[in-house]
Amino acid sequence: MIVKEVLFCATKDYHFEAFHLPYFKWFKEQGYIVHTAAHGDLDLPFVDKKHIIPIQRSPFKKENLLAYKELKYIIENNHFQIIHCHTPMGGVLGRLAGRKSRERDTKMIYTAHGFHFCKGAPMLNWLIYYPIEKALASLTDCLITINDEDFQLAIQRNFKAQKITHIQGVGVDTNHYHPVSPNKKNMLRAEKGYHDDDFLMFYAAEFNRNKNQQLLLKVFSMIKDEISQPRLLLAGDGPLLDECKKLAHTLGIHNRVDFLGFRKDIAHLLKISDLAVASSLREGLPVNIMEAMACGLPIIANENRGHRELVSNGQNGWLIKKNDEKSFSEKIIKIAGNKDMRKVLGETSQIMVERKYSMKKIMEAKSELYKSYMEDAEDKVWGIH
């Protein structure tokens, strides 16, 4: 009897909790023993063996050397048919640690959740991350990109992965993220302490330099007296949370901006909102925007490669040139003053998710890819060529 095992590797285990549990469940249904390797002690469902390693986000942290040694030991003392790496450092250490295992026919898959080097990225990102990704591509059986810009870059720059493919993210559970009726929306608003006539703008992201919430605060200060009963809802935690709270006070908007902290009720918050806004400077294919789209919200977002994949000007929202506060505020005022427009844009958002980004669509694509490597591995075990 063949013991079938798969290993998922990432920097933090909350990455698995947020994005990969449906795939763990799928592997279990195929008879696989599911392993994970990451930093963190979350209790993850559908996982048989959880390996906690001291992996860090920064490539310059000395803990990564120990993480590499531990991961190498884990891989060499199991017989994984498939190793699927996620996050930049998960991809680096997983592929390096799995070199010998590939010689024993383990298939190495790496999902690039948005290359750190891209058009407009700092030169330092190109100097550090580009040569690493280019070199490690040769240790990769399948490189999955989640947006078209990264896919084209990997092809044009001649990355030496055995296969390069484009799968549009991790998928959105449209049974969980979906619009609600106006009556249900008002009921949910009342539960959260909001009024029927409030105009709620929502953004969920860690407070850091890339997510750039300062832009939203400055834009809100420009439109607060131009539309009726506006509120800005910011979900998330992070190193710049206190700085953003101080900025809200400085701008005189602290009584209309709700800093919600880390939340597990994002779906409810989206369902009560009127508009999703996004200020990040760099994205791969942002799940927070796809979730907002699935809930039938129009989107106004800073332009970057990930947002370009999801937002079409005038169809489901607008893209704003980098940090253009004036244009951002004008588009918010336009949407706030036109309920019919909001409805049409939001319906288009929902249709786009159903057609391209739903969990069902992505699961179909991922399972076909996984099955091709499963069949190949099993054929080699039985000596079939």
Protein backbone atom coordinates (compact mmCIF):
# COMPACT_ATOMS: atom_id res chain seq x y z
CA MET A 1 0.00 0.00 0.00
CA ILE A 2 1.34 3.43 -0.96
CA VAL A 3 1.48 5.92 1.91
CA LYS A 4 0.50 9.21 0.30
CA GLU A 5 1.80 12.38 1.96
CA VAL A 6 1.78 16.07 1.08
CA LEU A 7 3.63 18.95 2.75
CA PHE A 8 2.53 22.58 2.74
CA CYS A 9 5.23 25.09 3.69
CA ALA A 10 4.84 28.80 4.51
CA THR A 11 6.24 31.45 6.82
CA LYS A 12 3.30 31.75 9.25
CA ASP A 13 0.63 29.16 9.98
CA TYR A 14 -2.14 31.76 9.83
CA HIS A 15 -1.47 31.81 6.06
CA PHE A 16 -2.82 28.25 5.99
CA GLU A 17 -5.80 29.13 8.17
CA ALA A 18 -6.70 32.08 5.96
CA PHE A 19 -6.25 30.52 2.53
CA HIS A 20 -5.59 26.78 2.37
CA LEU A 21 -7.92 24.78 4.61
CA PRO A 22 -10.19 23.76 1.68
CA TYR A 23 -7.14 22.29 -0.08
CA PHE A 24 -6.07 20.40 3.06
CA LYS A 25 -9.58 18.94 3.21
CA TRP A 26 -9.40 18.00 -0.48
CA PHE A 27 -6.09 16.14 0.01
CA LYS A 28 -7.54 14.27 2.97
CA GLU A 29 -10.43 13.17 0.75
CA GLN A 30 -7.86 11.80 -1.73
CA GLY A 31 -6.35 9.65 1.03
CA TYR A 32 -3.30 11.82 1.75
CA ILE A 33 -1.58 12.46 5.07
CA VAL A 34 -1.35 16.26 5.30
CA HIS A 35 1.73 17.90 6.84
CA THR A 36 2.38 21.60 7.39
CA ALA A 37 5.62 23.42 8.19
CA ALA A 38 5.50 27.04 9.38
CA HIS A 39 6.00 29.29 12.39
CA GLY A 40 3.06 29.41 14.82
CA ASP A 41 0.99 27.15 17.03
CA LEU A 42 -2.52 27.41 15.56
CA ASP A 43 -4.67 24.30 15.75
CA LEU A 44 -5.39 23.67 12.07
CA PRO A 45 -8.15 21.33 10.88
CA PHE A 46 -7.44 18.62 8.28
CA VAL A 47 -3.74 18.55 9.30
CA ASP A 48 -2.23 15.24 10.44
CA LYS A 49 1.28 16.41 11.30
CA LYS A 50 2.09 20.02 12.13
CA HIS A 51 5.79 20.94 12.11
CA ILE A 52 6.62 24.23 13.87
CA ILE A 53 9.82 25.73 12.46
CA PRO A 54 11.41 29.14 13.31
CA ILE A 55 11.06 30.56 9.80
CA GLN A 56 11.01 34.38 9.53
CA ARG A 57 9.76 36.75 6.81
CA SER A 58 13.06 38.59 6.39
CA PRO A 59 15.70 36.67 4.41
CA PHE A 60 18.36 38.20 6.69
CA LYS A 61 17.14 36.64 9.97
CA LYS A 62 19.55 34.03 11.39
CA GLU A 63 16.59 31.91 12.53
CA ASN A 64 16.05 30.95 8.89
CA LEU A 65 19.24 28.86 8.92
CA LEU A 66 17.83 26.75 11.74
CA ALA A 67 14.46 26.62 9.99
CA TYR A 68 16.19 25.34 6.85
CA LYS A 69 17.94 22.56 8.77
CA GLU A 70 14.73 21.50 10.50
CA LEU A 71 12.78 21.56 7.24
CA LYS A 72 15.48 19.54 5.48
CA TYR A 73 15.28 16.91 8.23
CA ILE A 74 11.47 16.78 7.97
CA ILE A 75 11.56 16.35 4.20
CA GLU A 76 14.34 13.76 4.17
CA ASN A 77 12.62 11.65 6.85
CA ASN A 78 9.30 11.48 5.06
CA HIS A 79 8.36 10.54 1.52
CA PHE A 80 6.23 13.38 0.24
CA GLN A 81 4.68 12.92 -3.18
CA ILE A 82 4.03 16.68 -3.30
CA ILE A 83 5.51 19.69 -1.51
CA HIS A 84 3.62 22.95 -2.03
CA CYS A 85 5.43 26.09 -0.89
CA HIS A 86 3.84 29.47 -0.20
CA THR A 87 5.16 32.94 0.79
CA PRO A 88 8.61 34.13 -0.30
CA MET A 89 10.64 32.56 2.52
CA GLY A 90 8.50 29.43 2.54
CA GLY A 91 9.32 29.14 -1.14
CA VAL A 92 13.03 29.71 -0.61
CA LEU A 93 13.56 27.29 2.28
CA GLY A 94 11.12 24.67 1.00
CA ARG A 95 12.75 24.41 -2.40
CA LEU A 96 16.29 24.41 -1.03
CA ALA A 97 15.47 21.83 1.64
CA GLY A 98 13.65 19.64 -0.88
CA ARG A 99 16.40 19.32 -3.49
CA LYS A 100 17.29 15.71 -2.68
CA SER A 101 13.65 14.78 -2.30
CA ARG A 102 12.99 15.90 -5.89
CA GLU A 103 15.58 13.35 -6.99
CA ARG A 104 13.27 10.74 -5.38
CA ASP A 105 10.38 12.04 -7.54
CA THR A 106 8.80 14.44 -5.05
CA LYS A 107 7.00 17.17 -7.01
CA MET A 108 7.85 20.71 -5.89
CA ILE A 109 5.12 23.32 -6.40
CA TYR A 110 5.54 26.99 -5.50
CA THR A 111 2.82 29.61 -5.54
CA ALA A 112 4.13 33.16 -5.92
CA HIS A 113 1.53 35.26 -4.11
CA GLY A 114 2.81 38.35 -5.93
CA PHE A 115 6.51 38.70 -6.73
CA HIS A 116 8.17 41.39 -4.59
CA PHE A 117 9.77 42.64 -7.81
CA CYS A 118 7.33 44.12 -10.31
CA LYS A 119 6.74 47.27 -12.31
CA GLY A 120 7.19 50.19 -9.96
CA ALA A 121 8.74 48.12 -7.15
CA PRO A 122 11.80 49.56 -5.37
CA MET A 123 15.15 48.72 -6.96
CA LEU A 124 16.16 47.01 -3.70
CA ASN A 125 13.37 44.46 -4.24
CA TRP A 126 14.77 43.64 -7.67
CA LEU A 127 18.29 43.35 -6.30
CA ILE A 128 17.28 41.01 -3.46
CA TYR A 129 14.26 38.98 -4.56
CA TYR A 130 14.61 38.72 -8.33
CA PRO A 131 17.90 36.75 -8.41
CA ILE A 132 16.61 34.44 -5.64
CA GLU A 133 13.36 33.64 -7.47
CA LYS A 134 15.14 33.28 -10.80
CA ALA A 135 17.67 30.82 -9.37
CA LEU A 136 15.16 28.76 -7.39
CA ALA A 137 12.85 28.37 -10.38
CA SER A 138 15.18 25.60 -11.57
CA LEU A 139 14.25 23.65 -8.40
CA THR A 140 10.53 23.98 -9.14
CA ASP A 141 8.31 21.50 -10.95
CA CYS A 142 5.41 23.95 -11.14
CA LEU A 143 5.50 27.70 -10.55
CA ILE A 144 1.99 29.07 -9.99
CA THR A 145 1.49 32.79 -10.52
CA ILE A 146 -1.72 34.47 -9.38
CA ASN A 147 -1.77 37.50 -11.67
CA ASP A 148 -1.03 38.00 -15.35
CA GLU A 149 1.85 40.45 -14.84
CA ASP A 150 3.82 37.91 -12.77
CA PHE A 151 3.01 35.14 -15.26
CA GLN A 152 4.30 37.21 -18.19
CA LEU A 153 7.38 38.25 -16.24
CA ALA A 154 8.29 34.64 -15.39
CA ILE A 155 7.89 33.63 -19.06
CA GLN A 156 9.72 36.63 -20.51
CA ARG A 157 12.58 36.39 -18.01
CA ASN A 158 12.97 32.70 -18.85
CA PHE A 159 12.42 31.25 -15.38
CA LYS A 160 13.56 27.61 -15.55
CA ALA A 161 10.64 25.97 -13.73
CA GLN A 162 9.43 22.75 -15.38
CA LYS A 163 6.01 24.36 -15.73
CA ILE A 164 4.72 27.92 -15.25
CA THR A 165 0.99 28.40 -14.91
CA HIS A 166 -1.50 31.10 -13.95
CA ILE A 167 -4.22 30.26 -11.40
CA GLN A 168 -6.24 33.22 -10.18
CA GLY A 169 -5.58 33.15 -6.44
CA VAL A 170 -6.89 30.84 -3.76
CA GLY A 171 -10.59 31.36 -4.41
CA VAL A 172 -13.43 33.01 -2.50
CA ASP A 173 -16.10 31.01 -0.69
CA THR A 174 -19.22 32.53 -2.23
CA ASN A 175 -21.41 30.60 0.20
CA HIS A 176 -19.89 32.74 2.96
CA TYR A 177 -19.22 35.97 1.07
CA HIS A 178 -22.35 37.15 -0.71
CA PRO A 179 -24.71 40.14 -0.75
CA VAL A 180 -27.73 40.40 1.56
CA SER A 181 -31.13 42.04 1.10
CA PRO A 182 -31.56 45.70 2.15
CA ASN A 183 -33.60 44.61 5.19
CA LYS A 184 -30.96 42.10 6.28
CA LYS A 185 -28.26 44.71 5.72
CA ASN A 186 -30.03 47.20 8.01
CA MET A 187 -30.54 44.52 10.64
CA LEU A 188 -26.84 43.61 10.58
CA ARG A 189 -25.95 47.32 10.74
CA ALA A 190 -28.04 47.78 13.85
CA GLU A 191 -26.26 44.83 15.48
CA LYS A 192 -22.91 46.53 14.80
CA GLY A 193 -24.12 49.93 15.99
CA TYR A 194 -24.56 51.62 12.60
CA HIS A 195 -27.57 53.41 11.11
CA ASP A 196 -29.49 52.71 7.90
CA ASP A 197 -28.37 56.01 6.33
CA ASP A 198 -24.67 55.75 7.18
CA PHE A 199 -22.36 55.55 4.15
CA LEU A 200 -19.86 52.87 5.17
CA MET A 201 -16.48 52.48 3.47
CA PHE A 202 -14.50 49.37 4.39
CA TYR A 203 -10.89 48.18 4.19
CA ALA A 204 -9.36 45.14 5.88
CA ALA A 205 -5.56 44.93 5.97
CA GLU A 206 -2.58 44.88 8.30
CA PHE A 207 -1.42 48.38 9.23
CA ASN A 208 1.96 48.59 7.51
CA ARG A 209 3.76 50.74 4.93
CA ASN A 210 2.55 48.75 1.96
CA LYS A 211 -1.12 48.79 2.94
CA ASN A 212 -0.86 52.57 3.16
CA GLN A 213 -3.97 53.36 5.26
CA GLN A 214 -2.73 56.94 5.62
CA LEU A 215 -4.02 57.58 2.10
CA LEU A 216 -7.55 56.57 3.11
CA LEU A 217 -7.46 58.80 6.17
CA LYS A 218 -6.35 61.81 4.13
CA VAL A 219 -8.99 61.12 1.48
CA PHE A 220 -11.67 60.73 4.14
CA SER A 221 -10.75 64.10 5.62
CA MET A 222 -11.40 65.61 2.17
CA ILE A 223 -14.86 64.06 1.70
CA LYS A 224 -16.25 63.99 5.25
CA ASP A 225 -18.31 67.14 4.72
CA GLU A 226 -19.18 66.42 1.09
CA ILE A 227 -21.36 63.33 1.60
CA SER A 228 -24.04 62.39 4.10
CA GLN A 229 -23.07 60.44 7.23
CA PRO A 230 -19.79 58.90 6.03
CA ARG A 231 -17.84 56.42 8.14
CA LEU A 232 -14.55 54.69 7.42
CA LEU A 233 -14.18 51.17 8.82
CA LEU A 234 -10.59 49.91 9.07
CA ALA A 235 -10.15 46.32 10.18
CA GLY A 236 -6.72 44.98 11.08
CA ASP A 237 -3.79 45.30 13.42
CA GLY A 238 -0.13 46.01 12.79
CA PRO A 239 2.93 48.16 13.49
CA LEU A 240 1.43 51.40 12.10
CA LEU A 241 -1.96 51.21 13.84
CA ASP A 242 -1.08 53.77 16.52
CA GLU A 243 0.45 56.10 13.94
CA CYS A 244 -2.77 55.97 11.91
CA LYS A 245 -4.89 56.64 14.98
CA LYS A 246 -2.80 59.74 15.69
CA LEU A 247 -3.21 60.88 12.09
CA ALA A 248 -7.00 60.50 12.39
CA HIS A 249 -6.93 62.80 15.43
CA THR A 250 -4.69 65.29 13.65
CA LEU A 251 -7.08 65.38 10.67
CA GLY A 252 -10.10 65.80 12.94
CA ILE A 253 -11.82 62.63 11.72
CA HIS A 254 -11.26 60.29 14.68
CA ASN A 255 -14.97 60.34 15.60
CA ARG A 256 -15.92 59.04 12.12
CA VAL A 257 -13.17 56.44 11.64
CA ASP A 258 -13.58 53.07 13.33
CA PHE A 259 -10.36 51.19 13.98
CA LEU A 260 -11.82 47.71 14.39
CA GLY A 261 -8.68 45.71 15.18
CA PHE A 262 -8.20 42.10 14.10
CA ARG A 263 -11.58 40.65 13.13
CA LYS A 264 -13.03 37.26 12.32
CA ASP A 265 -16.36 38.70 11.12
CA ILE A 266 -15.11 40.25 7.88
CA ALA A 267 -18.01 38.78 5.90
CA HIS A 268 -20.56 40.53 8.15
CA LEU A 269 -18.65 43.81 7.94
CA LEU A 270 -18.60 43.63 4.15
CA LYS A 271 -22.31 42.86 4.00
CA ILE A 272 -23.16 46.05 5.90
CA SER A 273 -20.82 48.25 3.83
CA ASP A 274 -21.54 50.40 0.77
CA LEU A 275 -18.07 50.63 -0.75
CA ALA A 276 -14.74 48.83 -0.50
CA VAL A 277 -11.64 51.02 -0.66
CA ALA A 278 -8.04 49.86 -1.00
CA SER A 279 -4.88 51.89 -0.60
CA SER A 280 -2.06 49.32 -0.89
CA LEU A 281 0.98 50.09 -3.01
CA ARG A 282 1.73 46.48 -4.01
CA GLU A 283 -0.55 43.43 -4.30
CA GLY A 284 -0.42 40.00 -5.89
CA LEU A 285 -4.12 39.20 -6.14
CA PRO A 286 -5.76 40.58 -2.99
CA VAL A 287 -8.27 38.28 -1.32
CA ASN A 288 -9.77 41.19 0.65
CA ILE A 289 -10.88 42.81 -2.62
CA MET A 290 -12.27 39.57 -4.02
CA GLU A 291 -14.26 39.04 -0.81
CA ALA A 292 -15.67 42.57 -1.11
CA MET A 293 -16.60 41.92 -4.74
CA ALA A 294 -18.32 38.67 -3.79
CA CYS A 295 -20.44 40.68 -1.32
CA GLY A 296 -21.58 42.91 -4.18
CA LEU A 297 -19.51 46.00 -3.39
CA PRO A 298 -18.05 48.52 -5.84
CA ILE A 299 -14.30 49.05 -5.45
CA ILE A 300 -12.12 52.16 -5.45
CA ALA A 301 -8.45 51.22 -5.25
CA ASN A 302 -4.93 52.51 -5.64
CA GLU A 303 -3.60 51.19 -8.94
CA ASN A 304 -1.24 48.23 -8.76
CA ARG A 305 -0.92 44.91 -10.62
CA GLY A 306 -3.22 42.99 -8.26
CA HIS A 307 -5.93 45.64 -8.30
CA ARG A 308 -5.68 45.88 -12.10
CA GLU A 309 -6.65 42.21 -12.32
CA LEU A 310 -9.82 42.80 -10.29
CA VAL A 311 -11.05 46.33 -10.97
CA SER A 312 -12.22 47.59 -14.37
CA ASN A 313 -12.79 51.33 -14.57
CA GLY A 314 -16.46 52.18 -14.80
CA GLN A 315 -17.52 48.51 -14.65
CA ASN A 316 -17.12 47.49 -11.01
CA GLY A 317 -15.33 50.57 -9.66
CA TRP A 318 -12.25 52.65 -10.37
CA LEU A 319 -8.50 52.45 -10.17
CA ILE A 320 -6.74 55.57 -8.91
CA LYS A 321 -3.24 56.54 -9.94
CA LYS A 322 -0.80 56.03 -7.08
CA ASN A 323 -1.77 58.13 -4.04
CA ASP A 324 -3.89 60.60 -6.04
CA GLU A 325 -5.97 61.91 -3.13
CA LYS A 326 -8.03 64.26 -5.28
CA SER A 327 -9.15 61.60 -7.77
CA PHE A 328 -9.81 59.12 -4.96
CA SER A 329 -12.04 61.60 -3.13
CA GLU A 330 -13.90 62.57 -6.32
CA LYS A 331 -14.77 58.94 -7.08
CA ILE A 332 -16.02 58.34 -3.52
CA ILE A 333 -18.26 61.40 -3.74
CA LYS A 334 -19.56 60.19 -7.12
CA ILE A 335 -20.45 56.74 -5.82
CA ALA A 336 -21.87 58.00 -2.51
CA GLY A 337 -24.32 60.23 -4.35
CA ASN A 338 -25.68 57.60 -6.73
CA LYS A 339 -27.32 54.46 -5.30
CA ASP A 340 -28.19 53.13 -8.74
CA MET A 341 -24.55 53.34 -9.80
CA ARG A 342 -23.47 51.53 -6.64
CA LYS A 343 -25.94 48.76 -7.37
CA VAL A 344 -24.78 48.27 -10.97
CA LEU A 345 -21.07 48.36 -10.10
CA GLY A 346 -21.60 45.99 -7.18
CA GLU A 347 -23.55 43.50 -9.28
CA THR A 348 -20.70 43.47 -11.80
CA SER A 349 -18.23 42.79 -8.98
CA GLN A 350 -20.25 39.80 -7.87
CA ILE A 351 -20.55 38.40 -11.41
CA MET A 352 -16.78 38.74 -11.93
CA VAL A 353 -16.07 36.70 -8.79
CA GLU A 354 -18.55 33.98 -9.75
CA ARG A 355 -17.02 33.65 -13.23
CA LYS A 356 -13.32 33.73 -12.37
CA TYR A 357 -12.44 33.80 -8.68
CA SER A 358 -14.91 31.62 -6.76
CA MET A 359 -13.60 28.77 -4.63
CA LYS A 360 -15.39 26.35 -6.97
CA LYS A 361 -13.54 27.68 -10.04
CA ILE A 362 -10.12 27.76 -8.35
CA MET A 363 -10.60 24.36 -6.72
CA GLU A 364 -11.32 22.85 -10.13
CA ALA A 365 -8.09 24.29 -11.55
CA LYS A 366 -5.96 23.37 -8.52
CA SER A 367 -7.31 19.83 -8.24
CA GLU A 368 -6.55 19.16 -11.91
CA LEU A 369 -3.00 20.36 -11.38
CA TYR A 370 -2.54 18.32 -8.19
CA LYS A 371 -4.00 15.21 -9.84
CA SER A 372 -1.50 15.40 -12.70
CA TYR A 373 1.37 15.22 -10.19
CA MET A 374 -0.35 12.56 -8.06
CA GLU A 375 -0.77 10.28 -11.08
CA ASP A 376 2.83 10.87 -12.15
CA ALA A 377 4.13 10.03 -8.66
CA GLU A 378 2.01 6.87 -8.38
CA ASP A 379 3.09 5.69 -11.84
CA LYS A 380 6.74 5.96 -10.84
CA VAL A 381 6.17 4.08 -7.57
CA TRP A 382 4.67 1.19 -9.56
CA GLY A 383 7.35 1.42 -12.26
CA ILE A 384 4.99 2.66 -14.99
CA HIS A 385 6.64 4.98 -17.55
